[in-house]
Amino acid sequence: MEAHHHTHFANKIFKEYMKPVLIFLFMLVFHSAIAQKQHSDVAIIKSFRSASNEAIAKHDVDGIAKYWLDDFVQVIGRGIYQTGRDSIMASWRELFRTNPQVGYIREPKEIVISNNDTLAWEQGKWTGIHAYSKGGNYAAMWIKRNGNWRLKAELFVSLEATKQ
């Protein structure tokens, strides 16, 4: 009788504590999966930024605009802004035509993925080469559409102006 009571008591304790342990383990695995997914999204956005930098170095406007949405918004370091992918592409082409030595490098310092995995915030430093500014800070808004990250907006602030 004593052994049966002990086994019954042990089973009761086991059942009582097992549910919270299983919930904890499930949450741990779920959190780990989300963290891995967010890490993957950050790596994707970093690779897109790197590809965009390479496209700027080559003066490849199609490569620069590859990640832009049609209603993309860009504010350049002097505060001038444009909207629309086609319009901004035309501005880049004109810039490269009139200043063949110009270049820009963007270096992400932080990329944050939203908790619902549909938006991302990127911020960092930018450098201008043979440009109106030597560089400054930038921020970008990414939106995930149909499983693909695309740029909705970029804001550049010139903090190292060479001339105005």
Protein backbone atom coordinates (compact mmCIF):
# COMPACT_ATOMS: atom_id res chain seq x y z
CA MET A 1 0.00 0.00 0.00
CA GLU A 2 2.83 2.35 0.90
CA ALA A 3 4.54 1.89 -2.50
CA HIS A 4 1.26 2.42 -4.38
CA HIS A 5 0.59 5.63 -2.45
CA HIS A 6 4.13 6.83 -3.15
CA THR A 7 3.74 6.10 -6.90
CA HIS A 8 0.36 7.83 -7.01
CA PHE A 9 1.84 10.86 -5.21
CA ALA A 10 4.82 10.95 -7.61
CA ASN A 11 2.51 10.76 -10.64
CA LYS A 12 0.39 13.60 -9.25
CA ILE A 13 3.49 15.76 -8.71
CA PHE A 14 4.77 14.84 -12.18
CA LYS A 15 1.46 15.80 -13.84
CA GLU A 16 1.22 19.01 -11.84
CA TYR A 17 4.66 20.25 -12.88
CA MET A 18 4.83 18.74 -16.34
CA LYS A 19 2.35 21.13 -17.96
CA PRO A 20 4.31 24.31 -17.05
CA VAL A 21 7.57 22.61 -18.07
CA LEU A 22 6.12 21.63 -21.45
CA ILE A 23 4.71 25.14 -21.95
CA PHE A 24 8.13 26.60 -21.07
CA LEU A 25 9.90 24.26 -23.51
CA PHE A 26 7.40 25.08 -26.27
CA MET A 27 7.88 28.82 -25.70
CA LEU A 28 11.66 28.38 -25.71
CA VAL A 29 11.59 26.52 -29.04
CA PHE A 30 9.10 29.02 -30.51
CA HIS A 31 11.19 32.00 -29.37
CA SER A 32 14.32 30.38 -30.78
CA ALA A 33 12.61 29.84 -34.14
CA ILE A 34 11.48 33.48 -34.25
CA ALA A 35 14.97 34.69 -33.31
CA GLN A 36 16.49 32.55 -36.08
CA LYS A 37 13.94 33.89 -38.59
CA GLN A 38 14.64 37.48 -37.56
CA HIS A 39 18.39 36.84 -37.78
CA SER A 40 17.83 35.48 -41.30
CA ASP A 41 15.77 38.57 -42.27
CA VAL A 42 18.50 40.86 -40.94
CA ALA A 43 21.09 38.96 -43.01
CA ILE A 44 18.88 39.28 -46.11
CA ILE A 45 18.47 43.04 -45.66
CA LYS A 46 22.23 43.44 -45.08
CA SER A 47 22.91 41.53 -48.29
CA PHE A 48 20.43 43.74 -50.19
CA ARG A 49 22.16 46.85 -48.84
CA SER A 50 25.53 45.47 -49.91
CA ALA A 51 24.20 44.70 -53.41
CA SER A 52 22.77 48.24 -53.60
CA ASN A 53 26.16 49.69 -52.63
CA GLU A 54 27.80 47.63 -55.37
CA ALA A 55 25.20 48.85 -57.89
CA ILE A 56 25.94 52.48 -56.93
CA ALA A 57 29.68 51.86 -57.41
CA LYS A 58 28.91 50.51 -60.92
CA HIS A 59 26.39 53.31 -61.63
CA ASP A 60 23.82 50.56 -62.26
CA VAL A 61 20.50 52.33 -61.65
CA ASP A 62 18.43 49.17 -62.22
CA GLY A 63 20.53 47.43 -59.57
CA ILE A 64 20.07 50.33 -57.14
CA ALA A 65 16.29 50.32 -57.65
CA LYS A 66 15.96 46.52 -57.55
CA TYR A 67 14.68 46.56 -53.96
CA TRP A 68 12.42 49.63 -54.18
CA LEU A 69 8.64 49.51 -54.13
CA ASP A 70 6.85 51.44 -56.90
CA ASP A 71 5.85 54.13 -54.38
CA PHE A 72 9.36 54.37 -52.90
CA VAL A 73 10.21 57.66 -51.14
CA GLN A 74 13.74 59.04 -50.90
CA VAL A 75 14.94 62.07 -48.96
CA ILE A 76 18.53 62.97 -49.82
CA GLY A 77 20.96 64.49 -47.35
CA ARG A 78 20.05 68.09 -48.18
CA GLY A 79 16.37 67.50 -47.44
CA ILE A 80 15.20 67.24 -51.06
CA TYR A 81 12.71 64.43 -51.46
CA GLN A 82 11.20 62.48 -54.32
CA THR A 83 8.52 59.84 -54.57
CA GLY A 84 8.03 57.07 -57.06
CA ARG A 85 10.49 54.47 -58.29
CA ASP A 86 10.63 55.71 -61.90
CA SER A 87 11.13 59.35 -60.94
CA ILE A 88 13.93 58.53 -58.51
CA MET A 89 15.61 56.25 -61.04
CA ALA A 90 15.63 59.15 -63.52
CA SER A 91 17.31 61.35 -60.88
CA TRP A 92 20.02 58.75 -60.28
CA ARG A 93 20.67 58.46 -64.03
CA GLU A 94 20.98 62.25 -64.27
CA LEU A 95 23.33 62.32 -61.26
CA PHE A 96 25.62 59.72 -62.83
CA ARG A 97 25.54 61.55 -66.18
CA THR A 98 26.50 64.91 -64.66
CA ASN A 99 28.90 63.60 -62.00
CA PRO A 100 30.58 60.40 -63.26
CA GLN A 101 32.82 60.14 -60.18
CA VAL A 102 30.02 60.28 -57.59
CA GLY A 103 29.45 57.37 -55.24
CA TYR A 104 27.73 56.53 -52.00
CA ILE A 105 28.26 53.81 -49.44
CA ARG A 106 25.66 52.96 -46.80
CA GLU A 107 26.79 51.00 -43.74
CA PRO A 108 23.98 49.54 -41.62
CA LYS A 109 24.57 49.83 -37.88
CA GLU A 110 21.21 48.42 -36.77
CA ILE A 111 18.40 46.48 -38.42
CA VAL A 112 15.29 45.72 -36.39
CA ILE A 113 12.54 43.38 -37.60
CA SER A 114 8.99 44.08 -36.38
CA ASN A 115 7.35 41.56 -34.09
CA ASN A 116 4.91 40.59 -36.87
CA ASP A 117 7.72 40.10 -39.43
CA THR A 118 6.32 42.59 -41.97
CA LEU A 119 8.39 45.74 -41.35
CA ALA A 120 12.04 46.47 -40.70
CA TRP A 121 13.95 49.53 -39.53
CA GLU A 122 17.50 50.05 -40.76
CA GLN A 123 19.81 52.80 -39.62
CA GLY A 124 23.43 53.54 -40.19
CA LYS A 125 26.06 55.83 -41.66
CA TRP A 126 26.48 56.89 -45.26
CA THR A 127 29.55 58.21 -47.02
CA GLY A 128 29.54 60.42 -50.09
CA ILE A 129 32.35 60.19 -52.64
CA HIS A 130 32.78 63.21 -54.95
CA ALA A 131 29.37 64.32 -53.75
CA TYR A 132 27.83 67.44 -52.21
CA SER A 133 28.45 65.85 -48.79
CA LYS A 134 31.01 63.58 -47.24
CA GLY A 135 28.21 61.73 -45.46
CA GLY A 136 26.01 61.46 -42.43
CA ASN A 137 23.29 59.23 -41.02
CA TYR A 138 20.49 57.38 -42.75
CA ALA A 139 17.39 55.38 -41.93
CA ALA A 140 15.37 53.06 -44.11
CA MET A 141 11.96 51.42 -43.89
CA TRP A 142 11.63 47.94 -45.34
CA ILE A 143 8.32 46.18 -45.99
CA LYS A 144 7.91 42.47 -46.60
CA ARG A 145 5.59 41.85 -49.56
CA ASN A 146 4.87 38.36 -50.82
CA GLY A 147 7.74 37.07 -48.69
CA ASN A 148 10.26 39.55 -50.14
CA TRP A 149 11.83 42.55 -48.41
CA ARG A 150 11.44 45.82 -50.34
CA LEU A 151 12.36 49.40 -49.53
CA LYS A 152 9.48 51.76 -48.86
CA ALA A 153 11.55 54.79 -47.82
CA GLU A 154 15.05 56.08 -47.18
CA LEU A 155 16.02 59.22 -45.29
CA PHE A 156 19.56 60.58 -45.52
CA VAL A 157 20.83 63.44 -43.38
CA SER A 158 24.03 65.19 -44.42
CA LEU A 159 26.16 65.80 -41.35
CA GLU A 160 29.46 66.36 -43.17
CA ALA A 161 28.55 68.85 -45.89
CA THR A 162 31.28 69.92 -48.31
CA LYS A 163 29.21 72.67 -49.90
CA GLN A 164 25.58 73.81 -50.07
